[in-house]
Protein backbone atom coordinates (compact mmCIF):
# COMPACT_ATOMS: atom_id res chain seq x y z
CA MET A 1 -26.34 12.07 21.24
CA GLY A 2 -24.35 13.08 18.19
CA ALA A 3 -21.09 12.98 20.17
CA GLN A 4 -21.88 9.49 21.31
CA LEU A 5 -22.48 8.30 17.77
CA ARG A 6 -19.13 9.68 16.72
CA VAL A 7 -17.44 7.82 19.37
CA TYR A 8 -19.02 4.48 18.25
CA ARG A 9 -18.02 5.25 14.67
CA GLN A 10 -14.48 5.93 15.76
CA LYS A 11 -14.40 2.54 17.66
CA ILE A 12 -15.74 0.77 14.66
CA LYS A 13 -13.07 2.22 12.39
CA SER A 14 -10.37 1.29 14.81
CA ALA A 15 -11.55 -2.27 15.04
CA GLN A 16 -11.69 -2.45 11.29
CA THR A 17 -8.08 -1.37 11.16
CA THR A 18 -6.99 -3.91 13.72
CA LYS A 19 -8.98 -6.63 11.86
CA LYS A 20 -6.94 -5.88 8.71
CA ILE A 21 -3.63 -6.18 10.46
CA THR A 22 -4.53 -9.31 12.47
CA ARG A 23 -6.05 -11.01 9.36
CA ALA A 24 -2.75 -10.18 7.38
CA MET A 25 -0.65 -11.62 10.16
CA GLU A 26 -2.76 -14.73 10.29
CA LEU A 27 -2.31 -15.31 6.62
CA ILE A 28 1.34 -14.78 6.74
CA SER A 29 1.79 -17.23 9.55
CA ALA A 30 -0.40 -19.76 7.85
CA SER A 31 1.89 -19.64 4.73
CA ARG A 32 5.10 -20.09 6.93
CA ILE A 33 3.88 -23.12 8.80
CA GLY A 34 4.00 -25.39 5.81
CA LYS A 35 7.57 -24.26 5.07
CA ALA A 36 8.75 -24.71 8.58
CA GLN A 37 7.12 -28.22 8.75
CA ALA A 38 8.78 -29.26 5.58
CA ARG A 39 12.27 -28.11 6.88
CA ALA A 40 11.74 -30.24 10.10
CA ALA A 41 10.65 -33.16 8.09
CA ALA A 42 13.60 -32.89 5.75
CA SER A 43 16.13 -32.83 8.75
CA SER A 44 14.56 -35.94 10.31
CA PRO A 45 16.21 -38.64 8.04
CA TYR A 46 19.70 -37.24 8.87
CA SER A 47 19.06 -37.07 12.57
CA ASP A 48 17.59 -40.63 12.56
CA ALA A 49 20.63 -41.88 10.65
CA LEU A 50 22.85 -40.27 13.15
CA THR A 51 20.82 -41.82 15.98
CA ARG A 52 21.18 -45.35 14.50
CA ALA A 53 24.93 -44.76 14.06
CA VAL A 54 25.53 -43.56 17.53
CA GLY A 55 23.47 -46.20 18.95
CA ALA A 56 25.38 -48.80 17.14
CA VAL A 57 28.71 -47.64 18.38
CA ALA A 58 27.59 -47.07 21.95
CA SER A 59 25.92 -50.56 22.11
CA HIS A 60 28.62 -52.52 20.45
CA SER A 61 31.69 -51.06 22.10
CA SER A 62 33.05 -51.10 25.66
CA VAL A 63 34.61 -47.59 25.48
CA ASP A 64 33.84 -45.29 28.33
CA HIS A 65 33.00 -42.04 26.49
CA VAL A 66 32.28 -38.82 28.48
CA LEU A 67 29.20 -37.88 26.40
CA THR A 68 27.56 -41.29 26.87
CA THR A 69 28.66 -42.35 30.38
CA GLU A 70 26.44 -41.33 33.25
CA PRO A 71 28.45 -39.77 36.15
CA GLU A 72 27.78 -40.98 39.67
CA THR A 73 27.06 -37.51 40.82
CA ILE A 74 26.07 -34.42 39.01
CA SER A 75 26.24 -30.99 40.83
CA ARG A 76 25.58 -28.58 37.90
CA ALA A 77 23.02 -28.79 35.16
CA ALA A 78 22.51 -26.59 32.12
CA ILE A 79 19.10 -25.69 30.66
CA VAL A 80 18.66 -24.44 27.12
CA ILE A 81 15.41 -22.58 26.48
CA PHE A 82 14.07 -21.98 22.98
CA THR A 83 11.74 -19.13 22.67
CA SER A 84 10.84 -16.64 19.88
CA ASP A 85 12.18 -13.23 19.13
CA ARG A 86 8.73 -11.71 18.76
CA GLY A 87 5.38 -12.00 20.67
CA LEU A 88 1.88 -12.07 19.36
CA ALA A 89 1.84 -16.04 19.70
CA GLY A 90 -0.45 -16.56 22.62
CA ALA A 91 1.02 -18.77 25.38
CA PHE A 92 3.85 -19.94 23.09
CA ASN A 93 6.69 -18.34 25.18
CA SER A 94 5.13 -18.39 28.57
CA GLN A 95 4.50 -22.11 28.52
CA VAL A 96 8.13 -22.89 27.66
CA LEU A 97 9.37 -20.41 30.43
CA ARG A 98 6.98 -22.02 32.90
CA GLN A 99 8.20 -25.48 31.96
CA ALA A 100 11.75 -24.42 32.39
CA GLU A 101 11.06 -22.98 35.88
CA GLU A 102 9.51 -26.33 36.97
CA LEU A 103 12.52 -28.21 35.56
CA ALA A 104 14.88 -25.85 37.34
CA GLU A 105 13.11 -26.31 40.66
CA LEU A 106 13.22 -30.08 40.13
CA LEU A 107 16.98 -30.03 39.49
CA ARG A 108 17.48 -27.83 42.59
CA ASP A 109 15.64 -30.33 44.73
CA GLU A 110 18.13 -32.94 43.55
CA GLY A 111 20.97 -30.71 44.79
CA LYS A 112 22.03 -29.41 41.47
CA ASP A 113 22.95 -25.85 40.37
CA VAL A 114 21.29 -24.53 37.25
CA THR A 115 23.00 -22.72 34.39
CA TRP A 116 20.77 -20.99 31.73
CA TYR A 117 21.42 -20.76 28.02
CA LEU A 118 18.80 -18.70 26.18
CA VAL A 119 17.62 -18.69 22.49
CA GLY A 120 15.11 -15.94 21.41
CA ARG A 121 14.60 -12.32 22.65
CA LYS A 122 11.59 -13.40 24.74
CA ALA A 123 13.80 -15.55 27.04
CA VAL A 124 16.41 -12.89 27.26
CA GLY A 125 13.83 -10.28 28.18
CA TYR A 126 12.24 -12.53 30.76
CA PHE A 127 15.72 -13.08 32.54
CA SER A 128 16.86 -9.48 32.19
CA PHE A 129 13.65 -8.09 33.57
CA ARG A 130 14.08 -10.17 36.59
CA GLN A 131 17.79 -9.52 36.76
CA ARG A 132 18.78 -13.22 36.52
CA ALA A 133 21.99 -14.35 35.27
CA PHE A 134 22.54 -16.62 32.13
CA GLU A 135 25.66 -17.92 30.49
CA ARG A 136 24.96 -17.12 26.93
CA SER A 137 22.10 -16.01 24.52
CA TRP A 138 21.37 -16.23 20.96
CA VAL A 139 18.73 -13.86 19.28
CA GLY A 140 17.53 -13.19 15.88
CA GLY A 141 16.57 -15.83 13.26
CA THR A 142 14.25 -17.85 15.42
CA ASP A 143 11.45 -17.64 12.70
CA ASN A 144 13.82 -19.08 10.16
CA PRO A 145 16.50 -21.08 11.96
CA GLU A 146 19.94 -21.59 10.38
CA PHE A 147 22.21 -24.50 10.86
CA ALA A 148 25.19 -22.29 11.60
CA THR A 149 23.35 -21.05 14.78
CA ALA A 150 22.80 -24.84 15.87
CA GLN A 151 26.47 -25.42 15.31
CA GLU A 152 27.51 -22.43 17.51
CA ILE A 153 25.11 -23.56 20.29
CA ALA A 154 26.50 -27.10 20.12
CA GLU A 155 30.09 -25.82 20.28
CA GLU A 156 29.25 -23.74 23.38
CA LEU A 157 27.52 -26.59 25.21
CA LEU A 158 30.21 -29.06 24.35
CA ALA A 159 32.83 -26.74 25.64
CA ASP A 160 31.02 -26.26 28.94
CA PHE A 161 30.12 -30.01 29.38
CA GLY A 162 32.19 -32.10 31.82
CA ASP A 163 34.93 -31.21 34.50
CA GLU A 164 32.35 -29.66 36.91
CA ALA A 165 35.26 -28.92 39.33
CA ALA A 166 36.35 -26.33 36.56
CA GLY A 167 32.94 -24.85 36.23
CA GLY A 168 31.56 -27.17 33.65
CA VAL A 169 28.14 -28.79 33.74
CA GLY A 170 27.30 -32.58 34.11
CA GLU A 171 24.04 -32.71 32.18
CA ILE A 172 22.32 -30.55 29.50
CA HIS A 173 18.60 -30.34 28.94
CA LEU A 174 16.63 -28.73 26.06
CA ILE A 175 13.10 -27.23 26.53
CA PHE A 176 11.25 -26.16 23.36
CA ASN A 177 7.73 -26.18 21.99
CA HIS A 178 6.91 -29.33 20.12
CA PHE A 179 4.59 -29.04 16.98
CA VAL A 180 1.71 -31.34 17.54
CA SER A 181 -0.90 -29.67 15.20
CA ARG A 182 -1.84 -26.21 14.01
CA ILE A 183 -3.99 -26.13 17.08
CA THR A 184 -1.73 -27.68 19.63
CA GLN A 185 1.91 -26.98 20.65
CA GLU A 186 3.28 -28.44 23.87
CA PRO A 187 6.53 -27.76 25.75
CA LEU A 188 8.92 -30.58 25.51
CA VAL A 189 11.76 -31.39 27.85
CA ARG A 190 14.68 -33.51 26.45
CA ARG A 191 17.90 -34.33 28.05
CA LEU A 192 20.79 -33.82 25.52
CA LEU A 193 23.77 -34.96 27.48
CA PRO A 194 24.81 -37.45 28.71
CA LEU A 195 23.36 -39.06 25.75
CA SER A 196 20.47 -41.65 26.33
CA ILE A 197 20.47 -44.07 23.42
CA VAL A 198 16.93 -45.12 24.47
CA GLU A 199 15.79 -41.88 23.10
CA ALA A 200 15.67 -43.34 19.56
CA SER A 201 12.38 -44.32 18.21
CA ALA A 202 10.62 -47.66 18.91
CA ASP A 203 11.65 -49.26 15.66
CA ASP A 204 15.20 -48.24 16.16
CA SER A 205 15.40 -49.58 19.67
CA ALA A 206 14.13 -52.87 18.39
CA GLU A 207 16.60 -53.07 15.57
CA VAL A 208 19.36 -55.77 15.75
CA TYR A 209 22.66 -54.38 14.89
CA PRO A 210 25.27 -56.41 13.07
CA LEU A 211 28.75 -56.94 14.68
CA TYR A 212 30.96 -53.90 13.97
CA GLU A 213 34.58 -53.34 13.83
CA PHE A 214 35.58 -49.70 14.41
CA GLU A 215 38.51 -48.03 12.70
CA PRO A 216 40.72 -46.56 14.08
CA ASP A 217 38.70 -47.21 17.27
CA ALA A 218 35.42 -46.91 18.86
CA GLU A 219 36.30 -43.73 20.85
CA THR A 220 37.50 -41.96 17.75
CA VAL A 221 34.26 -42.94 15.89
CA LEU A 222 32.28 -41.45 18.89
CA ASP A 223 34.31 -38.29 18.93
CA ALA A 224 33.42 -37.85 15.25
CA LEU A 225 29.64 -38.75 15.51
CA LEU A 226 28.48 -37.25 18.72
CA PRO A 227 29.15 -33.50 17.91
CA ALA A 228 27.18 -34.09 14.64
CA TYR A 229 24.43 -35.87 16.50
CA ILE A 230 24.13 -32.92 19.03
CA GLU A 231 24.11 -30.34 16.34
CA SER A 232 21.21 -32.16 14.63
CA ARG A 233 19.28 -32.57 17.78
CA ILE A 234 19.61 -28.74 18.63
CA PHE A 235 18.75 -27.91 15.01
CA ASN A 236 15.74 -30.11 15.06
CA ALA A 237 14.60 -28.37 18.36
CA MET A 238 15.04 -25.00 16.63
CA LEU A 239 12.94 -26.06 13.61
CA ASP A 240 10.30 -27.76 15.69
CA SER A 241 10.00 -24.52 17.82
CA SER A 242 9.79 -22.36 14.63
CA ALA A 243 6.94 -24.43 13.30
CA SER A 244 5.24 -24.18 16.60
CA LYS A 245 5.67 -20.39 16.81
CA HIS A 246 4.08 -19.82 13.49
CA ALA A 247 1.20 -22.06 14.45
CA ALA A 248 0.73 -20.31 17.67
CA THR A 249 0.78 -16.97 15.96
CA GLN A 250 -1.76 -18.06 13.38
CA LYS A 251 -4.12 -19.29 16.13
CA ALA A 252 -3.70 -16.03 18.21
CA MET A 253 -4.20 -13.80 15.18
CA LYS A 254 -7.35 -15.85 14.26
CA SER A 255 -8.77 -15.26 17.69
CA ALA A 256 -7.90 -11.51 17.52
CA THR A 257 -9.69 -11.30 14.10
CA ASP A 258 -12.75 -12.98 15.58
CA ASN A 259 -12.66 -10.56 18.53
CA ALA A 260 -12.40 -7.65 16.16
CA ASP A 261 -15.48 -8.89 14.21
CA LYS A 262 -17.40 -9.22 17.59
CA LEU A 263 -16.42 -5.64 18.42
CA ILE A 264 -17.47 -4.31 15.03
CA ARG A 265 -20.79 -6.01 15.35
CA ASP A 266 -21.40 -4.83 18.93
CA TYR A 267 -20.47 -1.17 18.25
CA THR A 268 -22.51 -1.20 15.02
CA ARG A 269 -25.59 -2.18 16.90
CA LEU A 270 -24.87 0.45 19.48
CA ALA A 271 -24.25 3.17 16.75
CA ASN A 272 -27.57 2.12 15.03
CA ASN A 273 -29.36 2.32 18.53
CA ALA A 274 -27.80 5.73 19.00
CA ARG A 275 -28.71 6.94 15.56
CA GLN A 276 -32.28 5.57 16.00
CA ALA A 277 -32.51 7.39 19.39
CA GLU A 278 -31.22 10.68 17.59
CA ILE A 279 -33.76 10.35 14.85
CA THR A 280 -36.56 9.65 17.28
CA GLN A 281 -35.67 12.67 19.27
CA GLN A 282 -35.61 14.89 16.19
CA ILE A 283 -38.99 13.66 15.10
CA SER A 284 -40.45 14.29 18.65
CA GLU A 285 -38.93 17.81 18.51
CA ILE A 286 -40.55 18.44 14.92
CA VAL A 287 -43.87 17.10 16.18
CA GLY A 288 -43.70 19.16 19.35
CA GLY A 289 -42.86 22.37 17.33
CA ALA A 290 -45.72 21.69 14.95
CA ASP A 291 -48.11 21.16 17.86
CA ALA A 292 -47.00 24.47 19.40
CA LEU A 293 -47.47 26.32 16.12
CA SER A 294 -50.94 24.85 15.75
CA SER A 295 -51.94 25.72 19.25
CA SER A 296 -50.77 29.35 18.88
CA ALA A 297 -52.70 29.67 15.47
CA GLN A 298 -55.82 28.58 17.15
CA ASP A 299 -55.45 31.00 19.83
């Protein structure tokens, strides 16, 4: 009985230690969510302004630009997956990877080959474990994204876009977790290229643009605007994914803390029962010994 009681006490101590760790991680993630949301909100005006500018140029010019023109046939497509560098975030990474697999299956059904670009160690680990090829990966810094990384990703994608005969891709898709609330984060698929101007907000799509004159010409203006626009879209996806990851970690650690509390309560009850049984046994032995002594004295 004493050995069983020691086991219960060890389990209680282990659960208490785990609770301290998960509680600390929950608080850290909660403090980081606000900062990540603030960064995402701060980048939105710049992205919206670029959306309006690109929409104006594409809508009021007859130029046939490679980034805004839909090809007749597309044989190769690229998918960029945004995951985290670390786990302990519930279904955060698995739901993005599952969405990527569904999109890849859909593209293959359309007769397109799929090329992968990975952001985050979890995506790299997923593909490496399954021995699947990918073009390029970026790891580190997913908790606190930097614009330089977004620029590097954009340069790589723009270099690979077009001229499918030379090994390029005809369209590019982004898959990342969209921050809905601290409770809900949902995977979002967004086609990056060829650019669809209808992806602007409802207010922007209803906006009546004035007539423009482009200097030196519309194609040069698009050449200057579109790379910056693509960089901003990628950076927004990174910031959105970062905020979602912190929220998912907070939710997962809150659940782990609650489970640790439940384990502590359960094992404390079992330990109390074991201790009570041990005391009862000791009392029974004392009473039995006293009765035996009393009987021998009477004899």
